[in-house]
Amino acid sequence: MNKFFTEYGSFKKTFYRAWNFFAAALLLAAPAARAETFEVYMRLEKFTWEEFDAGERLLEESGPRVGIGLRGTAQSFERWRMDLRADGFLGRVDYDGQTFAGDPIRDNTDYIGARGEVDAVLRPPAQGFRIHPRFGFGARYWLRRLAEGETDAGGYDEGWFMLYARLGADVVWTVDPKTRFFVNFARRPAIYNRTWYNIRIQDEETFSLEPGREWTWDVEAGWQTDRYTFAVFYETFAFKQSNSKIVPPLEVFQPKSEGQSVGVQMGVLW
């Protein structure tokens, strides 16, 4: 298989890109920490990732990731509020696929990444059952690192960035001032996607591609007390095949890619 599709050569550069994005996301969420109530949470998830070319699955990844984050209300108004969220994650998952040269490989993939989101949530809270429309924007950056980046072992690094809108709602049942149950869901149309690669192929060392845009989902359901929250969540990721680039003697592209994460989230309110 004479197709190279995912290479990125400098872990140092991509690690600092992930860290800088996480730092920016935390700065975005900092106003939430000054609100009357904000949540510090931890996430445990099972993550899967697959890539396809011409209907053939090229690789599959599956395994655990952990994350920590902060979210809350930055500003409340009479009929709406502004919510902010920032978190980061890392993990090591099993990789079953092939190298860019098409040779079979089974190894590990390391992940590190971050996201930041800002939403407008309509209607003030009230006792009983209530639906709050929600819309906003989010951005994510993450690094995938196969086989610890060892080229001789078929490893590579790959950086991803996505910008997306969020269209959804919070369905809330407030039992009393200290207890409520909720289901939050959002549809996420992609606005902009990009992957970065850095590898020596003859004279070419760095290039980037733009994976195609898709709509994805995130759903969260749980309950909240006066001090704690517990929830389960499910998220999807989807990218159409990217544009191709000729890097002699290869044609390089990012294949159609799909992922999902399912897990639990536990938080403390302050």
C-alpha atoms as a PDB file:
ATOM      1  CA  MET A   1       0.000   0.000   0.000  1.00  0.00           C
ATOM      2  CA  ASN A   2       1.944   2.967  -1.316  1.00  0.00           C
ATOM      3  CA  LYS A   3       0.083   5.598   0.681  1.00  0.00           C
ATOM      4  CA  PHE A   4       1.371   7.586   3.593  1.00  0.00           C
ATOM      5  CA  PHE A   5      -1.376   9.153   5.636  1.00  0.00           C
ATOM      6  CA  THR A   6      -0.288  10.076   9.184  1.00  0.00           C
ATOM      7  CA  GLU A   7       3.176  11.346  10.119  1.00  0.00           C
ATOM      8  CA  TYR A   8       4.368  14.056  12.430  1.00  0.00           C
ATOM      9  CA  GLY A   9       7.946  14.117  13.504  1.00  0.00           C
ATOM     10  CA  SER A  10       8.492  16.379  16.509  1.00  0.00           C
ATOM     11  CA  PHE A  11       6.912  15.353  19.812  1.00  0.00           C
ATOM     12  CA  LYS A  12       8.387  18.408  21.498  1.00  0.00           C
ATOM     13  CA  LYS A  13       6.596  20.814  19.173  1.00  0.00           C
ATOM     14  CA  THR A  14       3.260  19.020  19.383  1.00  0.00           C
ATOM     15  CA  PHE A  15       3.481  18.528  23.151  1.00  0.00           C
ATOM     16  CA  TYR A  16       3.947  22.256  23.668  1.00  0.00           C
ATOM     17  CA  ARG A  17       1.174  23.014  21.207  1.00  0.00           C
ATOM     18  CA  ALA A  18      -1.167  20.826  23.290  1.00  0.00           C
ATOM     19  CA  TRP A  19       0.027  22.395  26.532  1.00  0.00           C
ATOM     20  CA  ASN A  20      -0.351  25.948  25.196  1.00  0.00           C
ATOM     21  CA  PHE A  21      -3.859  25.159  23.959  1.00  0.00           C
ATOM     22  CA  PHE A  22      -4.774  23.758  27.395  1.00  0.00           C
ATOM     23  CA  ALA A  23      -3.374  26.874  29.086  1.00  0.00           C
ATOM     24  CA  ALA A  24      -5.464  29.065  26.773  1.00  0.00           C
ATOM     25  CA  ALA A  25      -8.546  26.970  27.539  1.00  0.00           C
ATOM     26  CA  LEU A  26      -7.974  27.406  31.283  1.00  0.00           C
ATOM     27  CA  LEU A  27      -7.684  31.171  30.814  1.00  0.00           C
ATOM     28  CA  LEU A  28     -10.988  31.058  28.937  1.00  0.00           C
ATOM     29  CA  ALA A  29     -12.627  29.266  31.864  1.00  0.00           C
ATOM     30  CA  ALA A  30     -11.009  31.428  34.562  1.00  0.00           C
ATOM     31  CA  PRO A  31     -14.047  33.754  34.849  1.00  0.00           C
ATOM     32  CA  ALA A  32     -16.123  30.696  35.809  1.00  0.00           C
ATOM     33  CA  ALA A  33     -13.958  30.269  38.894  1.00  0.00           C
ATOM     34  CA  ARG A  34     -15.100  33.708  40.077  1.00  0.00           C
ATOM     35  CA  ALA A  35     -18.792  32.794  39.809  1.00  0.00           C
ATOM     36  CA  GLU A  36     -20.887  31.840  42.809  1.00  0.00           C
ATOM     37  CA  THR A  37     -20.707  28.162  41.855  1.00  0.00           C
ATOM     38  CA  PHE A  38     -18.255  26.317  39.636  1.00  0.00           C
ATOM     39  CA  GLU A  39     -17.334  22.663  39.182  1.00  0.00           C
ATOM     40  CA  VAL A  40     -13.977  20.910  39.216  1.00  0.00           C
ATOM     41  CA  TYR A  41     -14.369  17.458  37.693  1.00  0.00           C
ATOM     42  CA  MET A  42     -12.537  14.304  36.706  1.00  0.00           C
ATOM     43  CA  ARG A  43     -13.415  12.139  33.704  1.00  0.00           C
ATOM     44  CA  LEU A  44     -12.722   8.449  33.100  1.00  0.00           C
ATOM     45  CA  GLU A  45     -13.485   7.193  29.605  1.00  0.00           C
ATOM     46  CA  LYS A  46     -13.064   4.394  27.123  1.00  0.00           C
ATOM     47  CA  PHE A  47     -11.935   5.817  23.790  1.00  0.00           C
ATOM     48  CA  THR A  48     -12.021   4.210  20.346  1.00  0.00           C
ATOM     49  CA  TRP A  49     -10.675   5.496  17.019  1.00  0.00           C
ATOM     50  CA  GLU A  50     -10.857   4.032  13.503  1.00  0.00           C
ATOM     51  CA  GLU A  51      -9.610   5.111  10.075  1.00  0.00           C
ATOM     52  CA  PHE A  52     -10.881   3.914   6.684  1.00  0.00           C
ATOM     53  CA  ASP A  53      -9.844   4.033   3.044  1.00  0.00           C
ATOM     54  CA  ALA A  54     -12.107   2.851   0.194  1.00  0.00           C
ATOM     55  CA  GLY A  55     -14.282   0.980   2.699  1.00  0.00           C
ATOM     56  CA  GLU A  56     -11.314  -0.853   4.225  1.00  0.00           C
ATOM     57  CA  ARG A  57     -10.500  -0.269   7.880  1.00  0.00           C
ATOM     58  CA  LEU A  58      -6.859   0.732   8.169  1.00  0.00           C
ATOM     59  CA  LEU A  59      -6.563   0.832  11.946  1.00  0.00           C
ATOM     60  CA  GLU A  60      -8.431   0.571  15.226  1.00  0.00           C
ATOM     61  CA  GLU A  61      -7.517   2.024  18.624  1.00  0.00           C
ATOM     62  CA  SER A  62      -9.223   1.313  21.931  1.00  0.00           C
ATOM     63  CA  GLY A  63      -8.382   2.003  25.545  1.00  0.00           C
ATOM     64  CA  PRO A  64      -8.730   4.256  28.604  1.00  0.00           C
ATOM     65  CA  ARG A  65      -8.140   7.990  28.944  1.00  0.00           C
ATOM     66  CA  VAL A  66      -8.460  10.289  31.960  1.00  0.00           C
ATOM     67  CA  GLY A  67      -9.162  13.994  32.157  1.00  0.00           C
ATOM     68  CA  ILE A  68      -9.595  16.864  34.569  1.00  0.00           C
ATOM     69  CA  GLY A  69     -11.402  20.137  34.010  1.00  0.00           C
ATOM     70  CA  LEU A  70     -13.280  23.190  35.188  1.00  0.00           C
ATOM     71  CA  ARG A  71     -16.666  24.562  34.175  1.00  0.00           C
ATOM     72  CA  GLY A  72     -19.139  27.108  35.462  1.00  0.00           C
ATOM     73  CA  THR A  73     -21.118  30.238  34.728  1.00  0.00           C
ATOM     74  CA  ALA A  74     -19.068  33.297  33.878  1.00  0.00           C
ATOM     75  CA  GLN A  75     -21.984  35.733  33.814  1.00  0.00           C
ATOM     76  CA  SER A  76     -25.740  35.534  34.506  1.00  0.00           C
ATOM     77  CA  PHE A  77     -28.353  37.823  32.994  1.00  0.00           C
ATOM     78  CA  GLU A  78     -32.109  38.067  33.361  1.00  0.00           C
ATOM     79  CA  ARG A  79     -32.960  35.615  30.585  1.00  0.00           C
ATOM     80  CA  TRP A  80     -29.678  33.844  29.816  1.00  0.00           C
ATOM     81  CA  ARG A  81     -26.236  33.017  31.149  1.00  0.00           C
ATOM     82  CA  MET A  82     -22.746  32.448  29.720  1.00  0.00           C
ATOM     83  CA  ASP A  83     -21.136  29.095  30.541  1.00  0.00           C
ATOM     84  CA  LEU A  84     -17.433  28.317  30.095  1.00  0.00           C
ATOM     85  CA  ARG A  85     -15.588  25.017  30.155  1.00  0.00           C
ATOM     86  CA  ALA A  86     -11.966  23.892  29.853  1.00  0.00           C
ATOM     87  CA  ASP A  87     -10.401  20.485  30.362  1.00  0.00           C
ATOM     88  CA  GLY A  88      -7.417  18.381  29.413  1.00  0.00           C
ATOM     89  CA  PHE A  89      -6.893  14.653  28.975  1.00  0.00           C
ATOM     90  CA  LEU A  90      -4.252  12.011  28.416  1.00  0.00           C
ATOM     91  CA  GLY A  91      -4.125   8.250  28.005  1.00  0.00           C
ATOM     92  CA  ARG A  92      -2.564   5.250  26.340  1.00  0.00           C
ATOM     93  CA  VAL A  93      -4.695   3.008  24.108  1.00  0.00           C
ATOM     94  CA  ASP A  94      -4.059  -0.182  22.116  1.00  0.00           C
ATOM     95  CA  TYR A  95      -3.274   0.223  18.415  1.00  0.00           C
ATOM     96  CA  ASP A  96      -4.082  -2.434  15.810  1.00  0.00           C
ATOM     97  CA  GLY A  97      -3.366  -1.350  12.253  1.00  0.00           C
ATOM     98  CA  GLN A  98      -0.519  -0.680   9.894  1.00  0.00           C
ATOM     99  CA  THR A  99       2.416   1.609   9.289  1.00  0.00           C
ATOM    100  CA  PHE A 100       2.308   4.304   6.596  1.00  0.00           C
ATOM    101  CA  ALA A 101       4.023   1.773   4.311  1.00  0.00           C
ATOM    102  CA  GLY A 102       1.172  -0.702   4.840  1.00  0.00           C
ATOM    103  CA  ASP A 103       3.023  -3.116   7.156  1.00  0.00           C
ATOM    104  CA  PRO A 104       0.904  -4.600  10.003  1.00  0.00           C
ATOM    105  CA  ILE A 105       1.647  -3.249  13.471  1.00  0.00           C
ATOM    106  CA  ARG A 106       0.249  -3.745  16.968  1.00  0.00           C
ATOM    107  CA  ASP A 107       1.459  -1.271  19.582  1.00  0.00           C
ATOM    108  CA  ASN A 108       0.267   1.623  21.774  1.00  0.00           C
ATOM    109  CA  THR A 109      -0.919   5.139  20.974  1.00  0.00           C
ATOM    110  CA  ASP A 110      -0.411   7.940  23.502  1.00  0.00           C
ATOM    111  CA  TYR A 111      -2.864  10.830  23.654  1.00  0.00           C
ATOM    112  CA  ILE A 112      -2.642  14.289  25.188  1.00  0.00           C
ATOM    113  CA  GLY A 113      -5.074  17.085  24.457  1.00  0.00           C
ATOM    114  CA  ALA A 114      -7.358  19.872  25.620  1.00  0.00           C
ATOM    115  CA  ARG A 115     -10.616  21.635  24.798  1.00  0.00           C
ATOM    116  CA  GLY A 116     -12.300  24.968  25.537  1.00  0.00           C
ATOM    117  CA  GLU A 117     -15.991  25.807  25.069  1.00  0.00           C
ATOM    118  CA  VAL A 118     -18.232  28.836  25.551  1.00  0.00           C
ATOM    119  CA  ASP A 119     -22.045  28.541  25.484  1.00  0.00           C
ATOM    120  CA  ALA A 120     -25.059  30.816  25.855  1.00  0.00           C
ATOM    121  CA  VAL A 121     -27.811  29.058  27.868  1.00  0.00           C
ATOM    122  CA  LEU A 122     -31.341  30.474  27.686  1.00  0.00           C
ATOM    123  CA  ARG A 123     -34.001  30.767  30.422  1.00  0.00           C
ATOM    124  CA  PRO A 124     -33.191  31.133  34.137  1.00  0.00           C
ATOM    125  CA  PRO A 125     -33.334  28.066  36.423  1.00  0.00           C
ATOM    126  CA  ALA A 126     -36.598  27.278  38.198  1.00  0.00           C
ATOM    127  CA  GLN A 127     -38.176  24.562  40.328  1.00  0.00           C
ATOM    128  CA  GLY A 128     -39.551  21.502  38.519  1.00  0.00           C
ATOM    129  CA  PHE A 129     -39.005  20.435  34.900  1.00  0.00           C
ATOM    130  CA  ARG A 130     -37.337  22.893  32.525  1.00  0.00           C
ATOM    131  CA  ILE A 131     -35.616  22.926  29.117  1.00  0.00           C
ATOM    132  CA  HIS A 132     -32.768  25.377  28.496  1.00  0.00           C
ATOM    133  CA  PRO A 133     -31.693  25.844  24.840  1.00  0.00           C
ATOM    134  CA  ARG A 134     -27.912  26.074  24.488  1.00  0.00           C
ATOM    135  CA  PHE A 135     -25.671  27.270  21.661  1.00  0.00           C
ATOM    136  CA  GLY A 136     -22.024  28.207  21.437  1.00  0.00           C
ATOM    137  CA  PHE A 137     -18.574  27.315  20.108  1.00  0.00           C
ATOM    138  CA  GLY A 138     -15.730  25.012  21.057  1.00  0.00           C
ATOM    139  CA  ALA A 139     -12.191  24.130  20.035  1.00  0.00           C
ATOM    140  CA  ARG A 140      -9.973  21.104  20.673  1.00  0.00           C
ATOM    141  CA  TYR A 141      -6.376  20.156  20.104  1.00  0.00           C
ATOM    142  CA  TRP A 142      -4.855  16.732  20.667  1.00  0.00           C
ATOM    143  CA  LEU A 143      -1.706  14.772  19.874  1.00  0.00           C
ATOM    144  CA  ARG A 144      -1.701  11.114  18.797  1.00  0.00           C
ATOM    145  CA  ARG A 145       1.630   9.367  19.240  1.00  0.00           C
ATOM    146  CA  LEU A 146       2.065   5.797  17.968  1.00  0.00           C
ATOM    147  CA  ALA A 147       4.837   3.502  19.225  1.00  0.00           C
ATOM    148  CA  GLU A 148       6.356   6.336  21.279  1.00  0.00           C
ATOM    149  CA  GLY A 149       7.191   8.107  18.029  1.00  0.00           C
ATOM    150  CA  GLU A 150       9.896   5.610  17.046  1.00  0.00           C
ATOM    151  CA  THR A 151      10.133   5.722  13.254  1.00  0.00           C
ATOM    152  CA  ASP A 152      12.007   2.419  13.058  1.00  0.00           C
ATOM    153  CA  ALA A 153       9.107   0.759  14.915  1.00  0.00           C
ATOM    154  CA  GLY A 154       6.510   2.300  12.578  1.00  0.00           C
ATOM    155  CA  GLY A 155       5.698   5.105  15.021  1.00  0.00           C
ATOM    156  CA  TYR A 156       4.720   8.691  14.280  1.00  0.00           C
ATOM    157  CA  ASP A 157       3.207  11.783  15.886  1.00  0.00           C
ATOM    158  CA  GLU A 158       0.075  13.482  14.606  1.00  0.00           C
ATOM    159  CA  GLY A 159      -1.476  16.781  15.756  1.00  0.00           C
ATOM    160  CA  TRP A 160      -5.189  17.601  15.390  1.00  0.00           C
ATOM    161  CA  PHE A 161      -7.173  20.818  15.738  1.00  0.00           C
ATOM    162  CA  MET A 162     -10.938  21.237  15.362  1.00  0.00           C
ATOM    163  CA  LEU A 163     -13.246  24.248  15.710  1.00  0.00           C
ATOM    164  CA  TYR A 164     -16.975  23.570  15.980  1.00  0.00           C
ATOM    165  CA  ALA A 165     -20.352  25.052  16.877  1.00  0.00           C
ATOM    166  CA  ARG A 166     -22.636  23.644  19.588  1.00  0.00           C
ATOM    167  CA  LEU A 167     -26.427  23.477  19.204  1.00  0.00           C
ATOM    168  CA  GLY A 168     -28.385  21.711  21.924  1.00  0.00           C
ATOM    169  CA  ALA A 169     -30.253  21.955  25.208  1.00  0.00           C
ATOM    170  CA  ASP A 170     -30.172  21.121  28.911  1.00  0.00           C
ATOM    171  CA  VAL A 171     -33.170  19.151  30.187  1.00  0.00           C
ATOM    172  CA  VAL A 172     -33.344  19.706  33.945  1.00  0.00           C
ATOM    173  CA  TRP A 173     -35.627  18.424  36.705  1.00  0.00           C
ATOM    174  CA  THR A 174     -35.032  20.407  39.886  1.00  0.00           C
ATOM    175  CA  VAL A 175     -36.401  18.357  42.780  1.00  0.00           C
ATOM    176  CA  ASP A 176     -35.415  20.903  45.456  1.00  0.00           C
ATOM    177  CA  PRO A 177     -32.765  23.626  45.837  1.00  0.00           C
ATOM    178  CA  LYS A 178     -30.123  20.971  46.574  1.00  0.00           C
ATOM    179  CA  THR A 179     -31.026  18.204  44.109  1.00  0.00           C
ATOM    180  CA  ARG A 180     -31.507  18.130  40.373  1.00  0.00           C
ATOM    181  CA  PHE A 181     -31.335  15.602  37.542  1.00  0.00           C
ATOM    182  CA  PHE A 182     -30.189  16.605  34.069  1.00  0.00           C
ATOM    183  CA  VAL A 183     -29.602  15.505  30.498  1.00  0.00           C
ATOM    184  CA  ASN A 184     -27.408  17.780  28.355  1.00  0.00           C
ATOM    185  CA  PHE A 185     -27.003  17.181  24.633  1.00  0.00           C
ATOM    186  CA  ALA A 186     -25.428  19.095  21.774  1.00  0.00           C
ATOM    187  CA  ARG A 187     -25.068  18.647  18.039  1.00  0.00           C
ATOM    188  CA  ARG A 188     -21.646  19.818  16.853  1.00  0.00           C
ATOM    189  CA  PRO A 189     -21.256  20.983  13.236  1.00  0.00           C
ATOM    190  CA  ALA A 190     -17.567  21.238  12.349  1.00  0.00           C
ATOM    191  CA  ILE A 191     -16.347  24.664  11.260  1.00  0.00           C
ATOM    192  CA  TYR A 192     -12.647  24.004  10.683  1.00  0.00           C
ATOM    193  CA  ASN A 193     -10.348  20.965  10.922  1.00  0.00           C
ATOM    194  CA  ARG A 194      -6.605  20.646  10.434  1.00  0.00           C
ATOM    195  CA  THR A 195      -3.895  18.052  11.032  1.00  0.00           C
ATOM    196  CA  TRP A 196      -0.160  18.753  11.221  1.00  0.00           C
ATOM    197  CA  TYR A 197       2.673  16.468  10.140  1.00  0.00           C
ATOM    198  CA  ASN A 198       6.424  16.846  10.270  1.00  0.00           C
ATOM    199  CA  ILE A 199       8.563  14.165   8.639  1.00  0.00           C
ATOM    200  CA  ARG A 200      11.408  14.053   6.181  1.00  0.00           C
ATOM    201  CA  ILE A 201      10.290  12.723   2.807  1.00  0.00           C
ATOM    202  CA  GLN A 202      13.114  13.686   0.507  1.00  0.00           C
ATOM    203  CA  ASP A 203      13.136  17.507   0.839  1.00  0.00           C
ATOM    204  CA  GLU A 204       9.699  17.825   2.496  1.00  0.00           C
ATOM    205  CA  GLU A 205       9.765  18.082   6.312  1.00  0.00           C
ATOM    206  CA  THR A 206       6.520  19.775   7.345  1.00  0.00           C
ATOM    207  CA  PHE A 207       3.021  19.954   5.915  1.00  0.00           C
ATOM    208  CA  SER A 208      -0.605  20.007   7.035  1.00  0.00           C
ATOM    209  CA  LEU A 209      -3.931  18.719   5.720  1.00  0.00           C
ATOM    210  CA  GLU A 210      -7.597  19.610   6.216  1.00  0.00           C
ATOM    211  CA  PRO A 211      -9.859  16.646   7.112  1.00  0.00           C
ATOM    212  CA  GLY A 212     -13.421  16.990   5.858  1.00  0.00           C
ATOM    213  CA  ARG A 213     -16.139  18.394   8.123  1.00  0.00           C
ATOM    214  CA  GLU A 214     -18.894  16.331   9.743  1.00  0.00           C
ATOM    215  CA  TRP A 215     -21.592  16.721  12.424  1.00  0.00           C
ATOM    216  CA  THR A 216     -21.004  14.979  15.763  1.00  0.00           C
ATOM    217  CA  TRP A 217     -22.754  14.548  19.130  1.00  0.00           C
ATOM    218  CA  ASP A 218     -22.103  14.838  22.825  1.00  0.00           C
ATOM    219  CA  VAL A 219     -24.567  13.724  25.524  1.00  0.00           C
ATOM    220  CA  GLU A 220     -24.289  13.857  29.313  1.00  0.00           C
ATOM    221  CA  ALA A 221     -26.794  12.625  31.922  1.00  0.00           C
ATOM    222  CA  GLY A 222     -26.564  12.695  35.701  1.00  0.00           C
ATOM    223  CA  TRP A 223     -27.534  14.350  38.946  1.00  0.00           C
ATOM    224  CA  GLN A 224     -26.271  17.151  41.133  1.00  0.00           C
ATOM    225  CA  THR A 225     -26.455  17.709  44.883  1.00  0.00           C
ATOM    226  CA  ASP A 226     -25.527  20.858  46.765  1.00  0.00           C
ATOM    227  CA  ARG A 227     -21.842  19.822  46.649  1.00  0.00           C
ATOM    228  CA  TYR A 228     -21.282  16.962  44.180  1.00  0.00           C
ATOM    229  CA  THR A 229     -22.135  15.900  40.638  1.00  0.00           C
ATOM    230  CA  PHE A 230     -22.053  12.500  38.966  1.00  0.00           C
ATOM    231  CA  ALA A 231     -22.720  11.876  35.279  1.00  0.00           C
ATOM    232  CA  VAL A 232     -22.234   9.478  32.397  1.00  0.00           C
ATOM    233  CA  PHE A 233     -21.368  10.797  28.947  1.00  0.00           C
ATOM    234  CA  TYR A 234     -21.035   9.786  25.312  1.00  0.00           C
ATOM    235  CA  GLU A 235     -19.263  11.676  22.504  1.00  0.00           C
ATOM    236  CA  THR A 236     -18.665  11.035  18.826  1.00  0.00           C
ATOM    237  CA  PHE A 237     -15.940  12.269  16.458  1.00  0.00           C
ATOM    238  CA  ALA A 238     -16.047  12.127  12.660  1.00  0.00           C
ATOM    239  CA  PHE A 239     -13.897  13.459   9.825  1.00  0.00           C
ATOM    240  CA  LYS A 240     -14.209  12.975   6.094  1.00  0.00           C
ATOM    241  CA  GLN A 241     -11.083  12.126   4.091  1.00  0.00           C
ATOM    242  CA  SER A 242      -8.801  15.133   3.803  1.00  0.00           C
ATOM    243  CA  ASN A 243      -7.383  16.761   0.745  1.00  0.00           C
ATOM    244  CA  SER A 244      -4.364  14.943  -0.683  1.00  0.00           C
ATOM    245  CA  LYS A 245      -0.854  16.235  -1.161  1.00  0.00           C
ATOM    246  CA  ILE A 246       1.892  14.903  -3.373  1.00  0.00           C
ATOM    247  CA  VAL A 247       5.110  14.502  -1.420  1.00  0.00           C
ATOM    248  CA  PRO A 248       7.286  12.544  -3.879  1.00  0.00           C
ATOM    249  CA  PRO A 249       7.272   9.641  -4.138  1.00  0.00           C
ATOM    250  CA  LEU A 250       4.057   9.367  -2.071  1.00  0.00           C
ATOM    251  CA  GLU A 251       0.506  10.694  -2.078  1.00  0.00           C
ATOM    252  CA  VAL A 252      -0.319  11.750   1.477  1.00  0.00           C
ATOM    253  CA  PHE A 253      -3.774  12.262   3.003  1.00  0.00           C
ATOM    254  CA  GLN A 254      -5.714  11.773   6.227  1.00  0.00           C
ATOM    255  CA  PRO A 255      -8.230   8.938   5.779  1.00  0.00           C
ATOM    256  CA  LYS A 256     -11.860   9.059   6.815  1.00  0.00           C
ATOM    257  CA  SER A 257     -11.702   8.906  10.622  1.00  0.00           C
ATOM    258  CA  GLU A 258     -14.256   8.125  13.328  1.00  0.00           C
ATOM    259  CA  GLY A 259     -14.062   8.002  17.110  1.00  0.00           C
ATOM    260  CA  GLN A 260     -16.178   7.817  20.209  1.00  0.00           C
ATOM    261  CA  SER A 261     -15.747   8.064  23.958  1.00  0.00           C
ATOM    262  CA  VAL A 262     -18.019   6.800  26.723  1.00  0.00           C
ATOM    263  CA  GLY A 263     -17.385   7.206  30.422  1.00  0.00           C
ATOM    264  CA  VAL A 264     -18.188   8.715  33.789  1.00  0.00           C
ATOM    265  CA  GLN A 265     -17.582  12.165  35.213  1.00  0.00           C
ATOM    266  CA  MET A 266     -17.393  13.106  38.904  1.00  0.00           C
ATOM    267  CA  GLY A 267     -17.255  16.683  40.129  1.00  0.00           C
ATOM    268  CA  VAL A 268     -17.124  18.881  43.201  1.00  0.00           C
ATOM    269  CA  LEU A 269     -19.003  22.206  43.359  1.00  0.00           C
ATOM    270  CA  TRP A 270     -17.452  25.265  44.969  1.00  0.00           C
END
